[in-house]
C-alpha atoms as a PDB file:
ATOM      1  CA  MET A   1      21.494  -7.415 -12.856  1.00  0.00           C
ATOM      2  CA  LEU A   2      19.244  -4.348 -13.522  1.00  0.00           C
ATOM      3  CA  SER A   3      20.228  -0.424 -13.765  1.00  0.00           C
ATOM      4  CA  THR A   4      18.726   2.634 -13.080  1.00  0.00           C
ATOM      5  CA  GLU A   5      18.727   6.127 -14.793  1.00  0.00           C
ATOM      6  CA  THR A   6      17.075   9.447 -14.328  1.00  0.00           C
ATOM      7  CA  PHE A   7      13.829   9.744 -15.918  1.00  0.00           C
ATOM      8  CA  ASP A   8      12.744  12.867 -17.867  1.00  0.00           C
ATOM      9  CA  PRO A   9       9.381  13.520 -19.056  1.00  0.00           C
ATOM     10  CA  ASP A  10       9.964  11.807 -22.591  1.00  0.00           C
ATOM     11  CA  ALA A  11      10.949   8.736 -20.837  1.00  0.00           C
ATOM     12  CA  LEU A  12       7.740   9.031 -18.391  1.00  0.00           C
ATOM     13  CA  GLN A  13       5.698   9.268 -21.677  1.00  0.00           C
ATOM     14  CA  ARG A  14       7.196   6.109 -22.959  1.00  0.00           C
ATOM     15  CA  LEU A  15       6.250   4.524 -19.449  1.00  0.00           C
ATOM     16  CA  ARG A  16       2.679   5.819 -19.749  1.00  0.00           C
ATOM     17  CA  ASN A  17       2.578   4.150 -23.239  1.00  0.00           C
ATOM     18  CA  GLU A  18       3.990   0.942 -22.311  1.00  0.00           C
ATOM     19  CA  LEU A  19       1.610   0.553 -19.142  1.00  0.00           C
ATOM     20  CA  SER A  20      -1.396   1.372 -21.336  1.00  0.00           C
ATOM     21  CA  HIS A  21      -0.630  -1.244 -23.675  1.00  0.00           C
ATOM     22  CA  ARG A  22      -2.515  -3.860 -21.690  1.00  0.00           C
ATOM     23  CA  PRO A  23      -5.885  -2.567 -20.748  1.00  0.00           C
ATOM     24  CA  PHE A  24      -7.934  -4.401 -17.946  1.00  0.00           C
ATOM     25  CA  VAL A  25     -10.686  -7.119 -19.263  1.00  0.00           C
ATOM     26  CA  PRO A  26     -12.324  -8.794 -16.617  1.00  0.00           C
ATOM     27  CA  PRO A  27     -14.114 -12.091 -16.827  1.00  0.00           C
ATOM     28  CA  ARG A  28     -17.698 -11.374 -17.872  1.00  0.00           C
ATOM     29  CA  LEU A  29     -19.144 -13.154 -14.582  1.00  0.00           C
ATOM     30  CA  LEU A  30     -16.686 -11.366 -12.430  1.00  0.00           C
ATOM     31  CA  SER A  31     -17.206  -7.536 -13.572  1.00  0.00           C
ATOM     32  CA  PRO A  32     -18.654  -5.601 -10.981  1.00  0.00           C
ATOM     33  CA  GLY A  33     -16.567  -4.028  -8.318  1.00  0.00           C
ATOM     34  CA  ASP A  34     -18.016  -6.036  -5.610  1.00  0.00           C
ATOM     35  CA  LEU A  35     -17.640  -9.463  -7.379  1.00  0.00           C
ATOM     36  CA  GLN A  36     -14.155  -8.334  -8.467  1.00  0.00           C
ATOM     37  CA  THR A  37     -13.163  -7.657  -4.744  1.00  0.00           C
ATOM     38  CA  LEU A  38     -14.592 -10.711  -3.344  1.00  0.00           C
ATOM     39  CA  GLY A  39     -13.699 -13.026  -6.303  1.00  0.00           C
ATOM     40  CA  ALA A  40     -10.090 -11.785  -6.306  1.00  0.00           C
ATOM     41  CA  TYR A  41      -9.500 -12.314  -2.354  1.00  0.00           C
ATOM     42  CA  PHE A  42     -11.161 -15.883  -2.648  1.00  0.00           C
ATOM     43  CA  TRP A  43      -9.037 -16.772  -5.871  1.00  0.00           C
ATOM     44  CA  ARG A  44      -7.144 -20.260  -5.367  1.00  0.00           C
ATOM     45  CA  GLY A  45      -4.269 -18.963  -7.201  1.00  0.00           C
ATOM     46  CA  ARG A  46      -3.937 -16.076  -4.553  1.00  0.00           C
ATOM     47  CA  PHE A  47      -2.794 -18.600  -1.715  1.00  0.00           C
ATOM     48  CA  GLY A  48       0.161 -20.569  -1.453  1.00  0.00           C
ATOM     49  CA  ALA A  49       1.889 -18.325  -4.049  1.00  0.00           C
ATOM     50  CA  MET A  50       5.201 -17.863  -2.616  1.00  0.00           C
ATOM     51  CA  ASP A  51       7.100 -19.938  -0.352  1.00  0.00           C
ATOM     52  CA  VAL A  52       8.244 -18.096   2.386  1.00  0.00           C
ATOM     53  CA  SER A  53       9.677 -20.212   4.929  1.00  0.00           C
ATOM     54  CA  GLY A  54      13.264 -19.284   3.733  1.00  0.00           C
ATOM     55  CA  ASP A  55      12.547 -15.493   4.077  1.00  0.00           C
ATOM     56  CA  GLU A  56      14.432 -13.310   6.544  1.00  0.00           C
ATOM     57  CA  ALA A  57      12.292 -12.214   9.720  1.00  0.00           C
ATOM     58  CA  ARG A  58      13.827  -8.668  10.346  1.00  0.00           C
ATOM     59  CA  LEU A  59      12.892  -6.025  12.982  1.00  0.00           C
ATOM     60  CA  PHE A  60      13.159  -2.366  12.228  1.00  0.00           C
ATOM     61  CA  ASP A  61      13.221   0.448  14.765  1.00  0.00           C
ATOM     62  CA  VAL A  62      10.737   3.066  13.688  1.00  0.00           C
ATOM     63  CA  GLU A  63      10.529   5.089  16.666  1.00  0.00           C
ATOM     64  CA  PRO A  64      11.887   4.776  20.464  1.00  0.00           C
ATOM     65  CA  GLY A  65       9.937   1.612  21.834  1.00  0.00           C
ATOM     66  CA  THR A  66       8.473   0.586  18.415  1.00  0.00           C
ATOM     67  CA  GLN A  67       9.479  -1.898  15.879  1.00  0.00           C
ATOM     68  CA  VAL A  68       7.992  -2.981  12.696  1.00  0.00           C
ATOM     69  CA  LEU A  69       8.567  -6.741  11.355  1.00  0.00           C
ATOM     70  CA  GLY A  70       9.567  -7.168   7.635  1.00  0.00           C
ATOM     71  CA  ARG A  71       9.945 -10.435   5.726  1.00  0.00           C
ATOM     72  CA  CYS A  72      12.921  -9.969   3.231  1.00  0.00           C
ATOM     73  CA  ARG A  73      13.801 -11.985   0.466  1.00  0.00           C
ATOM     74  CA  TRP A  74      17.326 -10.944  -0.971  1.00  0.00           C
ATOM     75  CA  GLN A  75      18.933 -11.808  -4.431  1.00  0.00           C
ATOM     76  CA  PRO A  76      22.389 -13.175  -4.338  1.00  0.00           C
ATOM     77  CA  HIS A  77      24.824 -10.066  -3.854  1.00  0.00           C
ATOM     78  CA  ARG A  78      21.871  -7.989  -3.011  1.00  0.00           C
ATOM     79  CA  LYS A  79      23.538  -4.665  -3.132  1.00  0.00           C
ATOM     80  CA  GLU A  80      23.367  -5.210  -6.889  1.00  0.00           C
ATOM     81  CA  HIS A  81      19.700  -5.390  -7.509  1.00  0.00           C
ATOM     82  CA  PRO A  82      16.754  -2.932  -6.893  1.00  0.00           C
ATOM     83  CA  THR A  83      14.723  -3.466  -4.041  1.00  0.00           C
ATOM     84  CA  VAL A  84      10.930  -3.376  -3.491  1.00  0.00           C
ATOM     85  CA  VAL A  85       9.542  -2.261  -0.074  1.00  0.00           C
ATOM     86  CA  MET A  86       5.834  -3.224   0.109  1.00  0.00           C
ATOM     87  CA  TRP A  87       3.537  -2.155   2.503  1.00  0.00           C
ATOM     88  CA  HIS A  88      -0.372  -3.901   2.827  1.00  0.00           C
ATOM     89  CA  GLY A  89      -3.797  -2.364   3.590  1.00  0.00           C
ATOM     90  CA  ILE A  90      -5.920  -1.936   6.411  1.00  0.00           C
ATOM     91  CA  GLU A  91      -5.711  -4.950   8.935  1.00  0.00           C
ATOM     92  CA  GLY A  92      -3.638  -7.121   6.516  1.00  0.00           C
ATOM     93  CA  SER A  93      -0.102  -8.297   6.882  1.00  0.00           C
ATOM     94  CA  SER A  94       2.977  -9.203   5.094  1.00  0.00           C
ATOM     95  CA  ASN A  95       1.165 -12.574   4.048  1.00  0.00           C
ATOM     96  CA  SER A  96      -1.906 -10.990   2.432  1.00  0.00           C
ATOM     97  CA  PRO A  97      -2.501 -12.656  -0.806  1.00  0.00           C
ATOM     98  CA  TYR A  98      -1.788  -9.638  -2.966  1.00  0.00           C
ATOM     99  CA  MET A  99       1.657  -9.136  -1.141  1.00  0.00           C
ATOM    100  CA  LEU A 100       2.682 -12.707  -1.808  1.00  0.00           C
ATOM    101  CA  ILE A 101       1.641 -12.527  -5.354  1.00  0.00           C
ATOM    102  CA  THR A 102       3.431  -9.095  -6.143  1.00  0.00           C
ATOM    103  CA  ALA A 103       6.532 -10.278  -4.356  1.00  0.00           C
ATOM    104  CA  GLU A 104       7.022 -13.529  -5.978  1.00  0.00           C
ATOM    105  CA  LYS A 105       6.644 -11.669  -9.285  1.00  0.00           C
ATOM    106  CA  ALA A 106       9.088  -9.002  -8.035  1.00  0.00           C
ATOM    107  CA  PHE A 107      11.643 -11.489  -7.029  1.00  0.00           C
ATOM    108  CA  ARG A 108      11.412 -13.481 -10.257  1.00  0.00           C
ATOM    109  CA  ALA A 109      12.236 -10.123 -12.080  1.00  0.00           C
ATOM    110  CA  GLY A 110      15.594  -9.684 -10.146  1.00  0.00           C
ATOM    111  CA  PHE A 111      14.553  -7.572  -7.065  1.00  0.00           C
ATOM    112  CA  ASN A 112      15.104  -7.888  -3.527  1.00  0.00           C
ATOM    113  CA  VAL A 113      11.646  -8.178  -1.739  1.00  0.00           C
ATOM    114  CA  VAL A 114      10.947  -6.540   1.651  1.00  0.00           C
ATOM    115  CA  ARG A 115       7.145  -7.655   2.748  1.00  0.00           C
ATOM    116  CA  MET A 116       6.727  -5.104   5.646  1.00  0.00           C
ATOM    117  CA  ASN A 117       4.045  -5.506   8.338  1.00  0.00           C
ATOM    118  CA  THR A 118       2.481  -2.281   9.524  1.00  0.00           C
ATOM    119  CA  ARG A 119       3.106  -1.758  13.176  1.00  0.00           C
ATOM    120  CA  ASN A 120       0.745  -4.011  15.312  1.00  0.00           C
ATOM    121  CA  CYS A 121      -0.089  -6.206  12.019  1.00  0.00           C
ATOM    122  CA  GLY A 122       0.847  -9.549  11.416  1.00  0.00           C
ATOM    123  CA  GLY A 123       1.006 -10.740  15.033  1.00  0.00           C
ATOM    124  CA  THR A 124       3.101  -7.772  16.156  1.00  0.00           C
ATOM    125  CA  GLU A 125       1.187  -6.105  18.912  1.00  0.00           C
ATOM    126  CA  HIS A 126       3.739  -6.835  21.284  1.00  0.00           C
ATOM    127  CA  LEU A 127       6.358  -4.673  19.351  1.00  0.00           C
ATOM    128  CA  THR A 128       5.046  -1.106  20.101  1.00  0.00           C
ATOM    129  CA  PRO A 129       2.690   0.341  22.856  1.00  0.00           C
ATOM    130  CA  THR A 130       0.730   2.310  20.188  1.00  0.00           C
ATOM    131  CA  LEU A 131      -1.662   1.559  17.312  1.00  0.00           C
ATOM    132  CA  TYR A 132      -1.186   2.496  13.576  1.00  0.00           C
ATOM    133  CA  HIS A 133      -3.042   5.058  11.609  1.00  0.00           C
ATOM    134  CA  GLY A 134      -3.664   5.591   7.988  1.00  0.00           C
ATOM    135  CA  GLY A 135      -1.025   8.270   7.374  1.00  0.00           C
ATOM    136  CA  MET A 136       1.986   6.625   9.373  1.00  0.00           C
ATOM    137  CA  SER A 137       4.824   7.745   6.478  1.00  0.00           C
ATOM    138  CA  SER A 138       7.158   8.006   9.188  1.00  0.00           C
ATOM    139  CA  ASP A 139       7.581   4.390   9.488  1.00  0.00           C
ATOM    140  CA  ALA A 140       8.248   3.811   5.862  1.00  0.00           C
ATOM    141  CA  ARG A 141      10.699   6.608   5.958  1.00  0.00           C
ATOM    142  CA  ALA A 142      12.640   4.726   8.864  1.00  0.00           C
ATOM    143  CA  VAL A 143      12.535   1.442   6.995  1.00  0.00           C
ATOM    144  CA  VAL A 144      13.985   3.145   3.957  1.00  0.00           C
ATOM    145  CA  GLU A 145      16.571   4.793   6.076  1.00  0.00           C
ATOM    146  CA  GLU A 146      17.692   1.582   7.451  1.00  0.00           C
ATOM    147  CA  LEU A 147      17.961  -0.033   4.049  1.00  0.00           C
ATOM    148  CA  ILE A 148      20.137   2.546   3.066  1.00  0.00           C
ATOM    149  CA  ASP A 149      22.408   3.304   5.863  1.00  0.00           C
ATOM    150  CA  ARG A 150      22.923  -0.504   7.123  1.00  0.00           C
ATOM    151  CA  ASP A 151      22.330  -2.533   4.005  1.00  0.00           C
ATOM    152  CA  GLY A 152      23.923  -0.072   1.392  1.00  0.00           C
ATOM    153  CA  LEU A 153      21.038  -0.636  -1.270  1.00  0.00           C
ATOM    154  CA  LYS A 154      21.382   1.605  -4.063  1.00  0.00           C
ATOM    155  CA  VAL A 155      18.114   1.619  -5.949  1.00  0.00           C
ATOM    156  CA  ILE A 156      14.603   1.186  -3.719  1.00  0.00           C
ATOM    157  CA  MET A 157      10.933   1.282  -4.812  1.00  0.00           C
ATOM    158  CA  LEU A 158       8.124   1.458  -2.629  1.00  0.00           C
ATOM    159  CA  VAL A 159       5.115  -0.243  -2.882  1.00  0.00           C
ATOM    160  CA  GLY A 160       1.321  -0.083  -1.210  1.00  0.00           C
ATOM    161  CA  PHE A 161      -2.029  -1.479  -1.255  1.00  0.00           C
ATOM    162  CA  SER A 162      -5.096   0.656  -0.386  1.00  0.00           C
ATOM    163  CA  LEU A 163      -4.249   2.240   3.114  1.00  0.00           C
ATOM    164  CA  GLY A 164      -0.383   1.290   2.545  1.00  0.00           C
ATOM    165  CA  GLY A 165      -0.794   2.961  -0.846  1.00  0.00           C
ATOM    166  CA  ASN A 166      -1.877   6.096   0.989  1.00  0.00           C
ATOM    167  CA  SER A 167       1.203   5.976   3.609  1.00  0.00           C
ATOM    168  CA  VAL A 168       3.880   5.422   0.639  1.00  0.00           C
ATOM    169  CA  LEU A 169       2.415   8.231  -1.755  1.00  0.00           C
ATOM    170  CA  LYS A 170       2.223  10.575   1.659  1.00  0.00           C
ATOM    171  CA  LEU A 171       5.954   9.741   2.026  1.00  0.00           C
ATOM    172  CA  ALA A 172       6.646  10.627  -1.493  1.00  0.00           C
ATOM    173  CA  GLY A 173       5.222  13.917  -1.321  1.00  0.00           C
ATOM    174  CA  GLU A 174       6.702  14.763   2.065  1.00  0.00           C
ATOM    175  CA  TYR A 175      10.293  13.908   0.481  1.00  0.00           C
ATOM    176  CA  ALA A 176       9.500  16.467  -2.470  1.00  0.00           C
ATOM    177  CA  ASP A 177      12.581  17.875  -3.535  1.00  0.00           C
ATOM    178  CA  ASP A 178      14.470  16.044  -1.057  1.00  0.00           C
ATOM    179  CA  VAL A 179      13.954  12.574  -1.938  1.00  0.00           C
ATOM    180  CA  PRO A 180      16.950  10.548  -1.124  1.00  0.00           C
ATOM    181  CA  GLU A 181      18.669   9.239  -4.235  1.00  0.00           C
ATOM    182  CA  GLN A 182      18.216   5.441  -3.738  1.00  0.00           C
ATOM    183  CA  VAL A 183      14.436   6.086  -4.200  1.00  0.00           C
ATOM    184  CA  ARG A 184      13.581   5.879  -7.503  1.00  0.00           C
ATOM    185  CA  GLY A 185       9.811   5.308  -7.765  1.00  0.00           C
ATOM    186  CA  ILE A 186       6.532   4.570  -6.073  1.00  0.00           C
ATOM    187  CA  GLY A 187       3.612   2.100  -6.805  1.00  0.00           C
ATOM    188  CA  ALA A 188       0.328   2.436  -5.341  1.00  0.00           C
ATOM    189  CA  MET A 189      -2.864   0.062  -5.964  1.00  0.00           C
ATOM    190  CA  SER A 190      -6.171   1.262  -4.628  1.00  0.00           C
ATOM    191  CA  PRO A 191      -4.863   3.667  -2.297  1.00  0.00           C
ATOM    192  CA  SER A 192      -7.074   5.533  -0.079  1.00  0.00           C
ATOM    193  CA  VAL A 193      -5.770   9.014  -0.851  1.00  0.00           C
ATOM    194  CA  SER A 194      -8.652  10.762   0.879  1.00  0.00           C
ATOM    195  CA  LEU A 195      -9.131   9.078   4.204  1.00  0.00           C
ATOM    196  CA  GLY A 196     -12.210  11.124   4.995  1.00  0.00           C
ATOM    197  CA  ALA A 197     -14.062  10.192   1.703  1.00  0.00           C
ATOM    198  CA  SER A 198     -13.115   6.524   2.264  1.00  0.00           C
ATOM    199  CA  VAL A 199     -14.359   6.365   5.706  1.00  0.00           C
ATOM    200  CA  GLU A 200     -17.557   7.852   4.341  1.00  0.00           C
ATOM    201  CA  LEU A 201     -17.762   5.535   1.461  1.00  0.00           C
ATOM    202  CA  LEU A 202     -17.018   2.536   3.815  1.00  0.00           C
ATOM    203  CA  MET A 203     -19.843   3.530   6.140  1.00  0.00           C
ATOM    204  CA  SER A 204     -22.692   3.894   3.493  1.00  0.00           C
ATOM    205  CA  PRO A 205     -25.320   1.232   3.652  1.00  0.00           C
ATOM    206  CA  ARG A 206     -24.239  -0.525   0.493  1.00  0.00           C
ATOM    207  CA  ASN A 207     -20.858  -1.504   2.234  1.00  0.00           C
ATOM    208  CA  TRP A 208     -22.343  -2.793   5.401  1.00  0.00           C
ATOM    209  CA  ILE A 209     -20.630  -6.012   5.387  1.00  0.00           C
ATOM    210  CA  TYR A 210     -16.995  -4.251   4.460  1.00  0.00           C
ATOM    211  CA  HIS A 211     -17.544  -1.809   7.269  1.00  0.00           C
ATOM    212  CA  GLN A 212     -18.392  -4.340   9.838  1.00  0.00           C
ATOM    213  CA  ASN A 213     -15.835  -6.510   8.873  1.00  0.00           C
ATOM    214  CA  PHE A 214     -12.781  -3.973   9.445  1.00  0.00           C
ATOM    215  CA  LEU A 215     -14.824  -2.485  12.569  1.00  0.00           C
ATOM    216  CA  TYR A 216     -14.664  -5.978  13.956  1.00  0.00           C
ATOM    217  CA  HIS A 217     -10.912  -6.462  13.652  1.00  0.00           C
ATOM    218  CA  LEU A 218      -9.998  -2.983  14.676  1.00  0.00           C
ATOM    219  CA  LYS A 219     -12.105  -3.480  17.977  1.00  0.00           C
ATOM    220  CA  HIS A 220     -10.668  -6.795  18.299  1.00  0.00           C
ATOM    221  CA  ARG A 221      -7.092  -5.035  18.135  1.00  0.00           C
ATOM    222  CA  ILE A 222      -7.970  -2.933  21.276  1.00  0.00           C
ATOM    223  CA  THR A 223      -8.671  -5.888  23.215  1.00  0.00           C
ATOM    224  CA  VAL A 224      -5.182  -7.857  22.384  1.00  0.00           C
ATOM    225  CA  LYS A 225      -3.422  -4.110  23.159  1.00  0.00           C
ATOM    226  CA  GLN A 226      -5.098  -3.758  26.440  1.00  0.00           C
ATOM    227  CA  LYS A 227      -3.897  -7.093  27.733  1.00  0.00           C
ATOM    228  CA  LEU A 228      -0.375  -6.131  26.602  1.00  0.00           C
ATOM    229  CA  PHE A 229      -0.468  -2.476  27.768  1.00  0.00           C
ATOM    230  CA  PRO A 230      -3.255  -2.408  30.433  1.00  0.00           C
ATOM    231  CA  ASP A 231      -2.495   0.975  31.603  1.00  0.00           C
ATOM    232  CA  GLN A 232      -2.855   2.365  28.034  1.00  0.00           C
ATOM    233  CA  TYR A 233      -6.130   1.175  26.675  1.00  0.00           C
ATOM    234  CA  ASP A 234      -9.738   1.704  27.943  1.00  0.00           C
ATOM    235  CA  LEU A 235     -12.027  -0.993  26.836  1.00  0.00           C
ATOM    236  CA  SER A 236     -15.144   0.905  28.193  1.00  0.00           C
ATOM    237  CA  PRO A 237     -15.844   2.982  24.786  1.00  0.00           C
ATOM    238  CA  LEU A 238     -15.823  -0.241  22.523  1.00  0.00           C
ATOM    239  CA  ARG A 239     -19.538  -1.247  23.334  1.00  0.00           C
ATOM    240  CA  ARG A 240     -20.722   2.144  22.086  1.00  0.00           C
ATOM    241  CA  ILE A 241     -18.601   2.277  19.166  1.00  0.00           C
ATOM    242  CA  ARG A 242     -20.654   1.486  15.877  1.00  0.00           C
ATOM    243  CA  SER A 243     -18.692   2.987  13.050  1.00  0.00           C
ATOM    244  CA  MET A 244     -14.991   3.564  11.573  1.00  0.00           C
ATOM    245  CA  ARG A 245     -15.490   7.316  12.529  1.00  0.00           C
ATOM    246  CA  GLU A 246     -16.263   6.591  16.111  1.00  0.00           C
ATOM    247  CA  PHE A 247     -13.532   4.299  16.447  1.00  0.00           C
ATOM    248  CA  ASP A 248     -10.837   6.864  15.241  1.00  0.00           C
ATOM    249  CA  SER A 249     -12.571   9.719  17.322  1.00  0.00           C
ATOM    250  CA  VAL A 250     -11.753   7.780  20.123  1.00  0.00           C
ATOM    251  CA  TYR A 251      -8.610   5.523  19.557  1.00  0.00           C
ATOM    252  CA  ILE A 252      -6.827   7.116  16.629  1.00  0.00           C
ATOM    253  CA  ALA A 253      -7.069  10.764  16.793  1.00  0.00           C
ATOM    254  CA  PRO A 254      -6.170  11.604  20.596  1.00  0.00           C
ATOM    255  CA  PRO A 255      -3.664   9.428  20.972  1.00  0.00           C
ATOM    256  CA  PHE A 256      -1.789  10.643  17.930  1.00  0.00           C
ATOM    257  CA  GLY A 257      -1.846  14.108  18.628  1.00  0.00           C
ATOM    258  CA  PHE A 258      -4.888  15.362  16.218  1.00  0.00           C
ATOM    259  CA  ALA A 259      -7.113  17.933  17.055  1.00  0.00           C
ATOM    260  CA  ASP A 260      -9.856  15.563  16.175  1.00  0.00           C
ATOM    261  CA  VAL A 261     -11.212  13.013  13.796  1.00  0.00           C
ATOM    262  CA  ASP A 262     -11.508  15.453  10.874  1.00  0.00           C
ATOM    263  CA  ASP A 263      -7.963  16.918  11.506  1.00  0.00           C
ATOM    264  CA  TYR A 264      -6.610  13.433  11.434  1.00  0.00           C
ATOM    265  CA  TYR A 265      -8.398  12.562   8.119  1.00  0.00           C
ATOM    266  CA  THR A 266      -6.976  15.723   6.666  1.00  0.00           C
ATOM    267  CA  ARG A 267      -3.432  15.706   7.832  1.00  0.00           C
ATOM    268  CA  ALA A 268      -3.010  11.725   7.318  1.00  0.00           C
ATOM    269  CA  SER A 269      -4.130  11.676   3.631  1.00  0.00           C
ATOM    270  CA  SER A 270      -1.818  12.027   0.744  1.00  0.00           C
ATOM    271  CA  LEU A 271      -4.024  13.678  -1.552  1.00  0.00           C
ATOM    272  CA  THR A 272      -2.740  17.204  -0.586  1.00  0.00           C
ATOM    273  CA  ARG A 273       0.889  16.164  -1.002  1.00  0.00           C
ATOM    274  CA  ILE A 274       0.835  14.169  -4.312  1.00  0.00           C
ATOM    275  CA  ALA A 275       1.366  17.567  -6.145  1.00  0.00           C
ATOM    276  CA  ARG A 276       4.709  17.596  -4.474  1.00  0.00           C
ATOM    277  CA  ILE A 277       5.881  14.064  -5.597  1.00  0.00           C
ATOM    278  CA  ARG A 278       9.073  14.380  -7.793  1.00  0.00           C
ATOM    279  CA  ILE A 279       9.774  10.528  -8.874  1.00  0.00           C
ATOM    280  CA  PRO A 280       8.032   8.328 -11.003  1.00  0.00           C
ATOM    281  CA  THR A 281       4.878   7.054  -9.406  1.00  0.00           C
ATOM    282  CA  LEU A 282       2.136   4.517 -10.620  1.00  0.00           C
ATOM    283  CA  ILE A 283      -1.398   4.710  -9.261  1.00  0.00           C
ATOM    284  CA  VAL A 284      -3.753   1.773 -10.292  1.00  0.00           C
ATOM    285  CA  HIS A 285      -7.343   2.517  -9.237  1.00  0.00           C
ATOM    286  CA  ALA A 286     -10.369   0.971 -10.392  1.00  0.00           C
ATOM    287  CA  GLN A 287     -13.296   3.533 -10.976  1.00  0.00           C
ATOM    288  CA  ASP A 288     -15.766   1.159  -9.199  1.00  0.00           C
ATOM    289  CA  ASP A 289     -14.141   0.557  -6.143  1.00  0.00           C
ATOM    290  CA  PRO A 290     -16.719  -0.126  -3.786  1.00  0.00           C
ATOM    291  CA  PHE A 291     -15.112   1.360  -0.566  1.00  0.00           C
ATOM    292  CA  VAL A 292     -12.171   3.588  -1.568  1.00  0.00           C
ATOM    293  CA  PRO A 293     -13.455   6.173  -3.769  1.00  0.00           C
ATOM    294  CA  PHE A 294     -12.110   7.036  -7.245  1.00  0.00           C
ATOM    295  CA  ALA A 295     -13.261  10.581  -7.303  1.00  0.00           C
ATOM    296  CA  PRO A 296     -10.234  12.359  -5.238  1.00  0.00           C
ATOM    297  CA  LEU A 297      -7.697  11.330  -8.291  1.00  0.00           C
ATOM    298  CA  ASN A 298      -9.229  13.401 -10.420  1.00  0.00           C
ATOM    299  CA  GLU A 299      -8.124  16.334  -8.469  1.00  0.00           C
ATOM    300  CA  ALA A 300      -5.342  18.582  -9.809  1.00  0.00           C
ATOM    301  CA  SER A 301      -2.841  17.505  -7.637  1.00  0.00           C
ATOM    302  CA  VAL A 302      -3.060  14.033  -9.237  1.00  0.00           C
ATOM    303  CA  THR A 303      -3.724  14.932 -12.863  1.00  0.00           C
ATOM    304  CA  ASP A 304      -1.341  17.678 -13.211  1.00  0.00           C
ATOM    305  CA  ASN A 305       1.732  16.102 -11.701  1.00  0.00           C
ATOM    306  CA  PRO A 306       3.764  14.795 -14.770  1.00  0.00           C
ATOM    307  CA  GLN A 307       5.637  12.161 -12.496  1.00  0.00           C
ATOM    308  CA  VAL A 308       2.258  10.702 -11.830  1.00  0.00           C
ATOM    309  CA  VAL A 309       1.074   7.677 -14.083  1.00  0.00           C
ATOM    310  CA  LEU A 310      -2.529   6.651 -13.298  1.00  0.00           C
ATOM    311  CA  LEU A 311      -4.207   3.789 -14.652  1.00  0.00           C
ATOM    312  CA  ALA A 312      -7.959   4.105 -14.048  1.00  0.00           C
ATOM    313  CA  PRO A 313     -10.043   0.910 -15.697  1.00  0.00           C
ATOM    314  CA  GLU A 314     -13.767   1.501 -15.127  1.00  0.00           C
ATOM    315  CA  ARG A 315     -13.783  -2.043 -13.690  1.00  0.00           C
ATOM    316  CA  GLY A 316     -11.328  -3.899 -11.273  1.00  0.00           C
ATOM    317  CA  GLY A 317     -12.980  -3.483  -7.583  1.00  0.00           C
ATOM    318  CA  HIS A 318     -10.501  -2.959  -4.729  1.00  0.00           C
ATOM    319  CA  VAL A 319      -7.222  -4.472  -4.923  1.00  0.00           C
ATOM    320  CA  ALA A 320      -8.476  -7.032  -7.156  1.00  0.00           C
ATOM    321  CA  PHE A 321      -8.233  -6.527 -11.199  1.00  0.00           C
ATOM    322  CA  LEU A 322      -8.780 -10.198 -11.866  1.00  0.00           C
ATOM    323  CA  SER A 323      -8.560 -10.323 -15.437  1.00  0.00           C
ATOM    324  CA  ALA A 324      -9.955 -12.714 -18.447  1.00  0.00           C
ATOM    325  CA  GLU A 325      -7.908 -15.423 -19.156  1.00  0.00           C
ATOM    326  CA  SER A 326      -4.732 -14.516 -21.308  1.00  0.00           C
ATOM    327  CA  SER A 327      -2.568 -16.735 -23.489  1.00  0.00           C
ATOM    328  CA  ASP A 328       0.491 -15.052 -22.076  1.00  0.00           C
ATOM    329  CA  GLU A 329      -0.274 -13.258 -18.889  1.00  0.00           C
ATOM    330  CA  ASP A 330      -2.164 -14.713 -15.634  1.00  0.00           C
ATOM    331  CA  ARG A 331      -5.250 -13.161 -14.214  1.00  0.00           C
ATOM    332  CA  PHE A 332      -3.548 -10.847 -11.845  1.00  0.00           C
ATOM    333  CA  TRP A 333      -3.467  -7.573 -13.755  1.00  0.00           C
ATOM    334  CA  GLY A 334      -3.217  -5.068 -11.331  1.00  0.00           C
ATOM    335  CA  GLU A 335      -0.058  -6.757  -9.726  1.00  0.00           C
ATOM    336  CA  ASN A 336       1.349  -7.464 -13.477  1.00  0.00           C
ATOM    337  CA  ARG A 337       1.158  -3.639 -13.951  1.00  0.00           C
ATOM    338  CA  LEU A 338       3.061  -3.034 -10.791  1.00  0.00           C
ATOM    339  CA  ILE A 339       5.767  -5.377 -12.033  1.00  0.00           C
ATOM    340  CA  ASP A 340       5.862  -3.888 -15.517  1.00  0.00           C
ATOM    341  CA  PHE A 341       6.381  -0.383 -13.578  1.00  0.00           C
ATOM    342  CA  LEU A 342       9.073  -1.503 -11.297  1.00  0.00           C
ATOM    343  CA  ARG A 343      10.604  -3.346 -14.345  1.00  0.00           C
ATOM    344  CA  LEU A 344      10.574  -0.263 -16.697  1.00  0.00           C
ATOM    345  CA  LEU A 345      11.773   2.199 -13.807  1.00  0.00           C
ATOM    346  CA  ALA A 346      14.863  -0.374 -13.424  1.00  0.00           C
ATOM    347  CA  ALA A 347      15.470  -0.478 -16.842  1.00  0.00           C
ATOM    348  CA  GLY A 348      15.140   3.336 -17.633  1.00  0.00           C
ATOM    349  CA  VAL A 349      12.685   2.912 -20.295  1.00  0.00           C
ATOM    350  CA  SER A 350      15.760   3.037 -22.580  1.00  0.00           C
END
């Protein structure tokens, strides 16, 4: 059984020291960010990493008429174990390779694991009439509240990847001094803390392939939603949409009540809220991430918050961090540092 105690500044410094003990060393042939990103995605060890056939499928009510699907793997006597709740990136799912890798490692370390599908993802378009957007921290809040109130879980930690990282960081900042006592830590890998900056970089010519891939899947989702909710979705704008920004201007900002796309990018980003985070938080972000910029993490809201531990290797790509061979650790450096962080929190870094 794992235990948790309050973290003071000295304990957080010890946590920083522990996490910095293993620097990221990429393989010589997979050093640049693009090669890291693509190499890690297609790396054989990321597929079939976890047998999920016995996991509990569970629906969470997050707002009237909207549910999200979680995949839960419980330890015996679940209330006696800490729980990690995980959120994936844009157009991912609870079965994204990085989710499965992290879930397997966390479960072996003694955690309950809840792999969440962002609303509409993982084949759940029928569970809500709405789409999702990059700052939907309210869904994460609703899931946490149910796990506390219904399940009686005593220790919960949130982990997010890419867009999911933005959501969990945003929620932590929104909690500020009123964070539930059961929520003990936040982990984020390659988080898009500034949506405007991320979209701008994604739309740059060098990222044409990434951009078109995301845009294709988002546009396809509109066609799926139109079949399910024909009165709520107009397909006519799809032909003229050529960018993520145009997509967000038509299908995201107005339906979710934002004044315009820039208002959406500002209000849905976690960057301005990170300064208010009051619980231990780990951010793992490569400086060569090809389409989620590192530069926003140099802002004072991040660097001046003593609760934030930032691991920022020069290499690593996006949600990749595929490392050179090691005698005592597998190649998934980013996931391993997240698990180290969760274990150190649960142990209280005593």
